[in-house]
N, C-alpha and C. Protein backbone atom coordinates (compact mmCIF):
# COMPACT_ATOMS: atom_id res chain seq x y z
N MET A 1 -158.92 -37.49 252.44
CA MET A 1 -159.52 -37.36 251.13
C MET A 1 -158.62 -38.09 250.13
N ASN A 2 -159.24 -38.84 249.26
CA ASN A 2 -158.51 -39.61 248.27
C ASN A 2 -158.16 -38.72 247.08
N LYS A 3 -156.88 -38.48 246.88
CA LYS A 3 -156.43 -37.58 245.81
C LYS A 3 -156.36 -38.27 244.46
N TYR A 4 -156.35 -39.59 244.46
CA TYR A 4 -156.19 -40.33 243.21
C TYR A 4 -157.35 -41.29 243.04
N CYS A 5 -157.78 -41.43 241.83
CA CYS A 5 -158.81 -42.41 241.51
C CYS A 5 -158.11 -43.75 241.31
N THR A 6 -158.61 -44.79 241.93
CA THR A 6 -157.97 -46.10 241.86
C THR A 6 -157.88 -46.60 240.42
N GLU A 7 -158.85 -46.26 239.60
CA GLU A 7 -158.82 -46.68 238.20
C GLU A 7 -157.63 -46.07 237.47
N TRP A 8 -157.28 -44.84 237.80
CA TRP A 8 -156.13 -44.19 237.16
C TRP A 8 -154.84 -44.93 237.49
N ILE A 9 -154.69 -45.30 238.76
CA ILE A 9 -153.47 -45.99 239.18
C ILE A 9 -153.45 -47.41 238.63
N GLN A 10 -154.62 -48.05 238.57
CA GLN A 10 -154.70 -49.39 237.99
C GLN A 10 -154.29 -49.34 236.51
N GLU A 11 -154.71 -48.32 235.82
CA GLU A 11 -154.33 -48.15 234.41
C GLU A 11 -152.81 -47.99 234.28
N TRP A 12 -152.20 -47.21 235.16
CA TRP A 12 -150.75 -47.04 235.14
C TRP A 12 -150.06 -48.37 235.41
N CYS A 13 -150.58 -49.12 236.38
CA CYS A 13 -149.99 -50.42 236.71
C CYS A 13 -150.04 -51.37 235.51
N LEU A 14 -151.16 -51.39 234.80
CA LEU A 14 -151.25 -52.26 233.62
C LEU A 14 -150.27 -51.85 232.54
N GLN A 15 -150.07 -50.55 232.35
CA GLN A 15 -149.14 -50.07 231.34
C GLN A 15 -147.70 -50.37 231.68
N ASN A 16 -147.37 -50.43 232.98
CA ASN A 16 -145.99 -50.60 233.40
C ASN A 16 -145.68 -51.99 233.95
N GLY A 17 -146.63 -52.91 233.89
CA GLY A 17 -146.38 -54.28 234.31
C GLY A 17 -146.49 -54.55 235.80
N TRP A 18 -147.01 -53.62 236.56
CA TRP A 18 -147.20 -53.83 238.00
C TRP A 18 -148.50 -54.59 238.21
N THR A 19 -148.57 -55.41 239.27
CA THR A 19 -149.76 -56.24 239.50
C THR A 19 -150.24 -56.10 240.95
N ASP A 20 -151.46 -56.57 241.19
CA ASP A 20 -152.06 -56.67 242.52
C ASP A 20 -152.02 -55.36 243.30
N LEU A 21 -152.60 -54.33 242.73
CA LEU A 21 -152.64 -53.02 243.38
C LEU A 21 -153.52 -53.08 244.63
N PHE A 22 -153.04 -52.47 245.71
CA PHE A 22 -153.86 -52.31 246.92
C PHE A 22 -153.45 -51.01 247.61
N GLN A 23 -154.35 -50.53 248.47
CA GLN A 23 -154.10 -49.28 249.18
C GLN A 23 -154.03 -49.58 250.66
N GLU A 24 -152.96 -49.12 251.29
CA GLU A 24 -152.82 -49.24 252.73
C GLU A 24 -152.65 -47.85 253.30
N ARG A 25 -153.55 -47.48 254.16
CA ARG A 25 -153.63 -46.11 254.68
C ARG A 25 -153.79 -45.13 253.53
N ARG A 26 -152.82 -44.27 253.31
CA ARG A 26 -152.94 -43.29 252.22
C ARG A 26 -151.96 -43.56 251.10
N GLU A 27 -151.40 -44.77 251.05
CA GLU A 27 -150.38 -45.08 250.07
C GLU A 27 -150.80 -46.28 249.23
N TYR A 28 -150.50 -46.21 247.94
CA TYR A 28 -150.81 -47.30 247.02
C TYR A 28 -149.60 -48.21 246.86
N TRP A 29 -149.83 -49.52 246.88
CA TRP A 29 -148.78 -50.52 246.76
C TRP A 29 -149.13 -51.48 245.64
N ALA A 30 -148.10 -52.05 245.02
CA ALA A 30 -148.29 -53.07 243.99
C ALA A 30 -146.99 -53.84 243.82
N PHE A 31 -147.09 -54.95 243.11
CA PHE A 31 -145.91 -55.76 242.83
C PHE A 31 -145.30 -55.30 241.51
N PRO A 32 -144.03 -54.84 241.53
CA PRO A 32 -143.37 -54.48 240.28
C PRO A 32 -143.14 -55.73 239.42
N PRO A 33 -142.77 -55.55 238.17
CA PRO A 33 -142.50 -56.71 237.32
C PRO A 33 -141.41 -57.60 237.92
N HIS A 34 -141.67 -58.91 237.96
CA HIS A 34 -140.73 -59.93 238.42
C HIS A 34 -140.34 -59.74 239.88
N ALA A 35 -141.21 -59.22 240.71
CA ALA A 35 -140.90 -58.99 242.12
C ALA A 35 -141.74 -59.91 242.99
N VAL A 36 -141.21 -60.20 244.18
CA VAL A 36 -141.93 -61.04 245.13
C VAL A 36 -142.39 -60.25 246.35
N MET A 37 -142.11 -58.95 246.33
CA MET A 37 -142.47 -58.09 247.45
C MET A 37 -143.10 -56.81 246.90
N PRO A 38 -144.26 -56.40 247.46
CA PRO A 38 -144.88 -55.17 246.94
C PRO A 38 -144.06 -53.94 247.33
N LEU A 39 -144.14 -52.95 246.46
CA LEU A 39 -143.48 -51.67 246.69
C LEU A 39 -144.50 -50.55 246.53
N PRO A 40 -144.26 -49.41 247.19
CA PRO A 40 -145.17 -48.29 246.96
C PRO A 40 -145.07 -47.81 245.51
N ILE A 41 -146.19 -47.35 244.99
CA ILE A 41 -146.17 -46.78 243.64
C ILE A 41 -145.25 -45.55 243.70
N PRO A 42 -144.34 -45.40 242.75
CA PRO A 42 -143.40 -44.26 242.80
C PRO A 42 -144.12 -42.91 242.82
N THR A 43 -143.58 -42.01 243.61
CA THR A 43 -144.16 -40.68 243.76
C THR A 43 -144.20 -39.94 242.43
N GLU A 44 -143.17 -40.13 241.62
CA GLU A 44 -143.13 -39.46 240.31
C GLU A 44 -144.30 -39.92 239.44
N ALA A 45 -144.62 -41.21 239.53
CA ALA A 45 -145.75 -41.74 238.75
C ALA A 45 -147.06 -41.15 239.24
N LEU A 46 -147.22 -41.06 240.57
CA LEU A 46 -148.45 -40.49 241.11
C LEU A 46 -148.60 -39.02 240.73
N LEU A 47 -147.50 -38.28 240.77
CA LEU A 47 -147.56 -36.87 240.41
C LEU A 47 -147.87 -36.69 238.92
N SER A 48 -147.32 -37.55 238.08
CA SER A 48 -147.62 -37.43 236.65
C SER A 48 -149.08 -37.81 236.36
N ILE A 49 -149.59 -38.80 237.08
CA ILE A 49 -151.01 -39.18 236.92
C ILE A 49 -151.89 -38.00 237.34
N LYS A 50 -151.56 -37.39 238.47
CA LYS A 50 -152.35 -36.26 238.97
C LYS A 50 -152.30 -35.08 238.01
N ALA A 51 -151.12 -34.81 237.44
CA ALA A 51 -150.99 -33.70 236.50
C ALA A 51 -151.78 -33.96 235.22
N GLU A 52 -151.82 -35.21 234.81
CA GLU A 52 -152.54 -35.56 233.58
C GLU A 52 -154.05 -35.58 233.77
N LYS A 53 -154.50 -36.15 234.88
CA LYS A 53 -155.94 -36.38 235.08
C LYS A 53 -156.65 -35.25 235.81
N GLY A 54 -155.95 -34.48 236.64
CA GLY A 54 -156.59 -33.40 237.38
C GLY A 54 -157.18 -33.88 238.69
N PHE A 55 -158.27 -33.25 239.09
CA PHE A 55 -158.91 -33.59 240.36
C PHE A 55 -159.60 -34.94 240.27
N SER A 56 -159.58 -35.67 241.39
CA SER A 56 -160.29 -36.95 241.47
C SER A 56 -161.78 -36.67 241.63
N PRO A 57 -162.63 -37.66 241.38
CA PRO A 57 -164.08 -37.43 241.56
C PRO A 57 -164.44 -36.99 242.98
N GLN A 58 -163.76 -37.55 243.98
CA GLN A 58 -164.04 -37.15 245.35
C GLN A 58 -163.64 -35.70 245.59
N GLU A 59 -162.51 -35.27 245.04
CA GLU A 59 -162.09 -33.88 245.18
C GLU A 59 -163.06 -32.94 244.48
N ARG A 60 -163.52 -33.34 243.30
CA ARG A 60 -164.50 -32.51 242.58
C ARG A 60 -165.78 -32.33 243.39
N LEU A 61 -166.23 -33.39 244.03
CA LEU A 61 -167.44 -33.31 244.85
C LEU A 61 -167.26 -32.32 245.99
N TRP A 62 -166.13 -32.41 246.70
CA TRP A 62 -165.90 -31.51 247.83
C TRP A 62 -165.69 -30.08 247.38
N LEU A 63 -165.02 -29.88 246.24
CA LEU A 63 -164.85 -28.52 245.73
C LEU A 63 -166.19 -27.92 245.31
N SER A 64 -167.05 -28.73 244.74
CA SER A 64 -168.40 -28.25 244.39
C SER A 64 -169.18 -27.87 245.64
N ALA A 65 -169.04 -28.67 246.69
CA ALA A 65 -169.71 -28.36 247.95
C ALA A 65 -169.18 -27.05 248.54
N ALA A 66 -167.88 -26.83 248.42
CA ALA A 66 -167.29 -25.58 248.94
C ALA A 66 -167.83 -24.38 248.17
N TRP A 67 -167.87 -24.50 246.84
CA TRP A 67 -168.41 -23.39 246.03
C TRP A 67 -169.88 -23.14 246.36
N ALA A 68 -170.66 -24.21 246.43
CA ALA A 68 -172.09 -24.05 246.74
C ALA A 68 -172.27 -23.42 248.11
N GLY A 69 -171.49 -23.87 249.09
CA GLY A 69 -171.59 -23.30 250.43
C GLY A 69 -171.23 -21.83 250.46
N ALA A 70 -170.20 -21.44 249.69
CA ALA A 70 -169.79 -20.04 249.65
C ALA A 70 -170.86 -19.16 249.01
N VAL A 71 -171.44 -19.63 247.91
CA VAL A 71 -172.46 -18.85 247.21
C VAL A 71 -173.72 -18.73 248.06
N ILE A 72 -174.15 -19.84 248.64
CA ILE A 72 -175.36 -19.81 249.48
C ILE A 72 -175.15 -18.93 250.70
N SER A 73 -173.98 -19.03 251.32
CA SER A 73 -173.74 -18.22 252.52
C SER A 73 -173.64 -16.73 252.16
N ALA A 74 -173.13 -16.41 250.98
CA ALA A 74 -173.10 -15.01 250.56
C ALA A 74 -174.53 -14.48 250.41
N GLY A 75 -175.38 -15.27 249.80
CA GLY A 75 -176.79 -14.88 249.66
C GLY A 75 -177.47 -14.74 251.00
N LEU A 76 -177.23 -15.69 251.91
CA LEU A 76 -177.83 -15.61 253.24
C LEU A 76 -177.28 -14.43 254.04
N GLY A 77 -176.01 -14.13 253.84
CA GLY A 77 -175.43 -12.98 254.53
C GLY A 77 -176.08 -11.67 254.12
N VAL A 78 -176.35 -11.55 252.82
CA VAL A 78 -177.03 -10.35 252.34
C VAL A 78 -178.48 -10.32 252.83
N TYR A 79 -179.14 -11.46 252.76
CA TYR A 79 -180.55 -11.53 253.15
C TYR A 79 -180.74 -11.22 254.64
N PHE A 80 -179.92 -11.84 255.50
CA PHE A 80 -180.06 -11.64 256.94
C PHE A 80 -179.26 -10.43 257.44
N GLN A 81 -178.49 -9.81 256.58
CA GLN A 81 -177.64 -8.69 256.94
C GLN A 81 -176.75 -9.04 258.14
N SER A 82 -176.10 -10.20 258.00
CA SER A 82 -175.26 -10.73 259.07
C SER A 82 -174.04 -11.40 258.45
N PRO A 83 -172.90 -11.27 259.07
CA PRO A 83 -171.71 -11.92 258.54
C PRO A 83 -171.58 -13.39 258.97
N MET A 84 -172.45 -13.87 259.83
CA MET A 84 -172.30 -15.22 260.36
C MET A 84 -172.38 -16.33 259.31
N PRO A 85 -173.24 -16.23 258.29
CA PRO A 85 -173.19 -17.28 257.26
C PRO A 85 -171.85 -17.33 256.54
N LEU A 86 -171.22 -16.17 256.33
CA LEU A 86 -169.91 -16.14 255.70
C LEU A 86 -168.84 -16.76 256.60
N VAL A 87 -168.96 -16.55 257.90
CA VAL A 87 -168.02 -17.15 258.85
C VAL A 87 -168.16 -18.66 258.82
N ALA A 88 -169.39 -19.16 258.79
CA ALA A 88 -169.61 -20.60 258.72
C ALA A 88 -169.07 -21.18 257.41
N ALA A 89 -169.28 -20.47 256.31
CA ALA A 89 -168.77 -20.94 255.02
C ALA A 89 -167.24 -20.93 255.01
N PHE A 90 -166.63 -19.92 255.62
CA PHE A 90 -165.18 -19.88 255.70
C PHE A 90 -164.65 -21.08 256.48
N ALA A 91 -165.28 -21.41 257.59
CA ALA A 91 -164.85 -22.56 258.39
C ALA A 91 -165.01 -23.86 257.59
N PHE A 92 -166.12 -24.00 256.89
CA PHE A 92 -166.37 -25.19 256.08
C PHE A 92 -165.32 -25.32 254.98
N CYS A 93 -165.03 -24.24 254.28
CA CYS A 93 -164.03 -24.26 253.21
C CYS A 93 -162.63 -24.50 253.76
N ALA A 94 -162.33 -23.98 254.94
CA ALA A 94 -161.02 -24.21 255.54
C ALA A 94 -160.81 -25.68 255.86
N VAL A 95 -161.84 -26.34 256.34
CA VAL A 95 -161.75 -27.78 256.63
C VAL A 95 -161.54 -28.56 255.33
N ILE A 96 -162.28 -28.21 254.30
CA ILE A 96 -162.15 -28.92 253.02
C ILE A 96 -160.74 -28.77 252.46
N PHE A 97 -160.23 -27.56 252.42
CA PHE A 97 -158.90 -27.35 251.86
C PHE A 97 -157.81 -27.90 252.77
N GLY A 98 -158.07 -27.99 254.04
CA GLY A 98 -157.14 -28.68 254.93
C GLY A 98 -157.07 -30.16 254.62
N LEU A 99 -158.19 -30.77 254.31
CA LEU A 99 -158.21 -32.18 253.93
C LEU A 99 -157.54 -32.43 252.58
N MET A 100 -157.55 -31.43 251.72
CA MET A 100 -156.94 -31.58 250.40
C MET A 100 -155.42 -31.38 250.43
N ASP A 101 -154.86 -30.94 251.55
CA ASP A 101 -153.44 -30.70 251.64
C ASP A 101 -152.68 -32.03 251.56
N ASP A 102 -151.51 -32.00 250.95
CA ASP A 102 -150.73 -33.22 250.78
C ASP A 102 -150.17 -33.75 252.10
N GLU A 103 -149.87 -32.90 253.00
CA GLU A 103 -149.26 -33.33 254.25
C GLU A 103 -150.30 -33.38 255.31
């Protein structure tokens, strides 16, 4: 799951003079000012961007899906008088929050 919106990091790069932003695997890279070799975007910068901007659009979508799944499964559990919809919702939410983990 992508924790950062590329536009946010591009904005940081423009403010700090970094150029040619690209993403390799789960890490963002760019050329620092006056450099000939790309470096990873500093972790402190990524954490400050995340603290300022909050959840990325992709994270918001998945969190909304988790909430909707939990509410619907609660209703289905009451309607069918069965705990199985809640078990399925728990598994779905566990996968989502596992994907949101940093490590």
